[in-house]
Amino acid sequence: MKDLEKQFDGEMRDVYISAKRECGYNATRFLQMLSDQGGVKTAKQLIQKPGGAEGFIALMTHQRPDLTVEARVLKPEYRELFSDKERAICRERLKQFEKQE
């Protein structure tokens, strides 16, 4: 499990780098959260935030749902790191945003 958490942590750091490089979105608070508590805890905290985190909205505005924490949580290889409820929140959040376009 620790290896999977480490892999997810690396992917969350890649999200930060890609969002900054490709969208001009500098998520300094997100990076601080990753440094303080790691990728899994950060993702769980952001998932529980009503309406989603500001980063989610910024990335969706740039048409980059692939860079959201929600999209990464839903990747099959990370299924065991998150509850069905957490994954359902992510699915619903992504679906809701698609409807708004």
C-alpha atoms as a PDB file:
ATOM      1  CA  MET A   1       0.000   0.000   0.000  1.00  0.00           C
ATOM      2  CA  LYS A   2       2.854   2.381   0.813  1.00  0.00           C
ATOM      3  CA  ASP A   3       4.230   2.010  -2.739  1.00  0.00           C
ATOM      4  CA  LEU A   4       0.812   2.850  -4.163  1.00  0.00           C
ATOM      5  CA  GLU A   5       0.561   5.894  -1.911  1.00  0.00           C
ATOM      6  CA  LYS A   6       4.023   6.984  -3.033  1.00  0.00           C
ATOM      7  CA  GLN A   7       2.984   6.547  -6.673  1.00  0.00           C
ATOM      8  CA  PHE A   8      -0.156   8.644  -6.093  1.00  0.00           C
ATOM      9  CA  ASP A   9       1.924  11.278  -4.312  1.00  0.00           C
ATOM     10  CA  GLY A  10       4.175  11.527  -7.361  1.00  0.00           C
ATOM     11  CA  GLU A  11       1.185  11.842  -9.630  1.00  0.00           C
ATOM     12  CA  MET A  12      -0.218  14.681  -7.510  1.00  0.00           C
ATOM     13  CA  ARG A  13       3.112  16.505  -7.835  1.00  0.00           C
ATOM     14  CA  ASP A  14       2.969  15.963 -11.605  1.00  0.00           C
ATOM     15  CA  VAL A  15      -0.525  17.513 -11.589  1.00  0.00           C
ATOM     16  CA  TYR A  16       0.911  20.611  -9.923  1.00  0.00           C
ATOM     17  CA  ILE A  17       3.732  20.894 -12.478  1.00  0.00           C
ATOM     18  CA  SER A  18       1.443  20.305 -15.482  1.00  0.00           C
ATOM     19  CA  ALA A  19      -1.180  22.777 -14.249  1.00  0.00           C
ATOM     20  CA  LYS A  20       1.466  25.440 -13.816  1.00  0.00           C
ATOM     21  CA  ARG A  21       3.193  24.779 -17.133  1.00  0.00           C
ATOM     22  CA  GLU A  22       0.152  24.134 -19.320  1.00  0.00           C
ATOM     23  CA  CYS A  23      -2.524  26.351 -17.730  1.00  0.00           C
ATOM     24  CA  GLY A  24      -0.523  28.987 -15.906  1.00  0.00           C
ATOM     25  CA  TYR A  25      -2.219  27.885 -12.685  1.00  0.00           C
ATOM     26  CA  ASN A  26       0.176  28.147  -9.750  1.00  0.00           C
ATOM     27  CA  ALA A  27      -1.393  26.053  -7.001  1.00  0.00           C
ATOM     28  CA  THR A  28       0.965  26.988  -4.184  1.00  0.00           C
ATOM     29  CA  ARG A  29      -1.488  25.986  -1.449  1.00  0.00           C
ATOM     30  CA  PHE A  30      -1.960  22.584  -3.106  1.00  0.00           C
ATOM     31  CA  LEU A  31       1.819  22.108  -3.224  1.00  0.00           C
ATOM     32  CA  GLN A  32       2.073  23.071   0.453  1.00  0.00           C
ATOM     33  CA  MET A  33      -0.646  20.560   1.340  1.00  0.00           C
ATOM     34  CA  LEU A  34       1.222  17.846  -0.584  1.00  0.00           C
ATOM     35  CA  SER A  35       4.417  18.634   1.280  1.00  0.00           C
ATOM     36  CA  ASP A  36       2.673  18.672   4.666  1.00  0.00           C
ATOM     37  CA  GLN A  37       0.419  15.633   4.393  1.00  0.00           C
ATOM     38  CA  GLY A  38       1.095  13.741   1.167  1.00  0.00           C
ATOM     39  CA  GLY A  39      -1.045  13.092  -1.876  1.00  0.00           C
ATOM     40  CA  VAL A  40      -3.696  10.765  -0.448  1.00  0.00           C
ATOM     41  CA  LYS A  41      -4.571  12.923   2.563  1.00  0.00           C
ATOM     42  CA  THR A  42      -4.544  16.050   0.396  1.00  0.00           C
ATOM     43  CA  ALA A  43      -6.872  14.439  -2.142  1.00  0.00           C
ATOM     44  CA  LYS A  44      -9.243  13.223   0.582  1.00  0.00           C
ATOM     45  CA  GLN A  45      -9.375  16.705   2.089  1.00  0.00           C
ATOM     46  CA  LEU A  46     -10.048  18.384  -1.265  1.00  0.00           C
ATOM     47  CA  ILE A  47     -12.700  15.834  -2.227  1.00  0.00           C
ATOM     48  CA  GLN A  48     -14.664  16.616   0.942  1.00  0.00           C
ATOM     49  CA  LYS A  49     -14.665  20.355   0.253  1.00  0.00           C
ATOM     50  CA  PRO A  50     -18.238  21.310  -0.736  1.00  0.00           C
ATOM     51  CA  GLY A  51     -18.359  22.419  -4.359  1.00  0.00           C
ATOM     52  CA  GLY A  52     -14.750  21.421  -4.916  1.00  0.00           C
ATOM     53  CA  ALA A  53     -11.480  23.217  -4.512  1.00  0.00           C
ATOM     54  CA  GLU A  54     -10.619  26.380  -6.424  1.00  0.00           C
ATOM     55  CA  GLY A  55      -8.019  24.381  -8.357  1.00  0.00           C
ATOM     56  CA  PHE A  56     -10.746  22.117  -9.726  1.00  0.00           C
ATOM     57  CA  ILE A  57     -12.657  25.118 -11.045  1.00  0.00           C
ATOM     58  CA  ALA A  58      -9.521  26.710 -12.496  1.00  0.00           C
ATOM     59  CA  LEU A  59      -8.533  23.525 -14.314  1.00  0.00           C
ATOM     60  CA  MET A  60     -12.035  22.944 -15.631  1.00  0.00           C
ATOM     61  CA  THR A  61     -12.110  26.541 -16.897  1.00  0.00           C
ATOM     62  CA  HIS A  62      -8.982  25.650 -18.876  1.00  0.00           C
ATOM     63  CA  GLN A  63     -10.756  22.532 -20.204  1.00  0.00           C
ATOM     64  CA  ARG A  64      -8.316  20.251 -18.346  1.00  0.00           C
ATOM     65  CA  PRO A  65     -10.370  17.762 -16.318  1.00  0.00           C
ATOM     66  CA  ASP A  66      -7.481  15.313 -16.741  1.00  0.00           C
ATOM     67  CA  LEU A  67      -5.376  17.449 -14.393  1.00  0.00           C
ATOM     68  CA  THR A  68      -7.884  17.485 -11.545  1.00  0.00           C
ATOM     69  CA  VAL A  69      -7.401  15.578  -8.316  1.00  0.00           C
ATOM     70  CA  GLU A  70     -10.837  14.073  -8.968  1.00  0.00           C
ATOM     71  CA  ALA A  71      -9.733  12.531 -12.272  1.00  0.00           C
ATOM     72  CA  ARG A  72      -6.626  11.042 -10.661  1.00  0.00           C
ATOM     73  CA  VAL A  73      -8.599   9.586  -7.750  1.00  0.00           C
ATOM     74  CA  LEU A  74     -10.798   7.774 -10.277  1.00  0.00           C
ATOM     75  CA  LYS A  75      -7.908   6.017 -12.002  1.00  0.00           C
ATOM     76  CA  PRO A  76      -8.385   2.254 -11.530  1.00  0.00           C
ATOM     77  CA  GLU A  77      -4.921   1.728 -10.057  1.00  0.00           C
ATOM     78  CA  TYR A  78      -5.768   3.976  -7.093  1.00  0.00           C
ATOM     79  CA  ARG A  79      -9.120   2.376  -6.276  1.00  0.00           C
ATOM     80  CA  GLU A  80      -7.931   0.858  -2.987  1.00  0.00           C
ATOM     81  CA  LEU A  81      -6.708   4.236  -1.682  1.00  0.00           C
ATOM     82  CA  PHE A  82     -10.176   5.822  -1.719  1.00  0.00           C
ATOM     83  CA  SER A  83     -13.616   4.802  -0.519  1.00  0.00           C
ATOM     84  CA  ASP A  84     -16.552   4.218  -2.850  1.00  0.00           C
ATOM     85  CA  LYS A  85     -18.104   7.391  -1.419  1.00  0.00           C
ATOM     86  CA  GLU A  86     -15.019   9.472  -2.209  1.00  0.00           C
ATOM     87  CA  ARG A  87     -14.880   8.080  -5.734  1.00  0.00           C
ATOM     88  CA  ALA A  88     -18.606   8.795  -6.196  1.00  0.00           C
ATOM     89  CA  ILE A  89     -18.076  12.431  -5.154  1.00  0.00           C
ATOM     90  CA  CYS A  90     -15.313  12.730  -7.749  1.00  0.00           C
ATOM     91  CA  ARG A  91     -17.428  11.159 -10.503  1.00  0.00           C
ATOM     92  CA  GLU A  92     -20.373  13.419  -9.698  1.00  0.00           C
ATOM     93  CA  ARG A  93     -18.236  16.565  -9.548  1.00  0.00           C
ATOM     94  CA  LEU A  94     -16.715  15.866 -12.958  1.00  0.00           C
ATOM     95  CA  LYS A  95     -20.119  14.998 -14.413  1.00  0.00           C
ATOM     96  CA  GLN A  96     -21.721  18.185 -13.035  1.00  0.00           C
ATOM     97  CA  PHE A  97     -19.053  20.340 -14.597  1.00  0.00           C
ATOM     98  CA  GLU A  98     -19.488  18.637 -17.995  1.00  0.00           C
ATOM     99  CA  LYS A  99     -23.202  19.511 -17.876  1.00  0.00           C
ATOM    100  CA  GLN A 100     -22.415  23.207 -17.345  1.00  0.00           C
ATOM    101  CA  GLU A 101     -20.448  23.471 -20.583  1.00  0.00           C
END
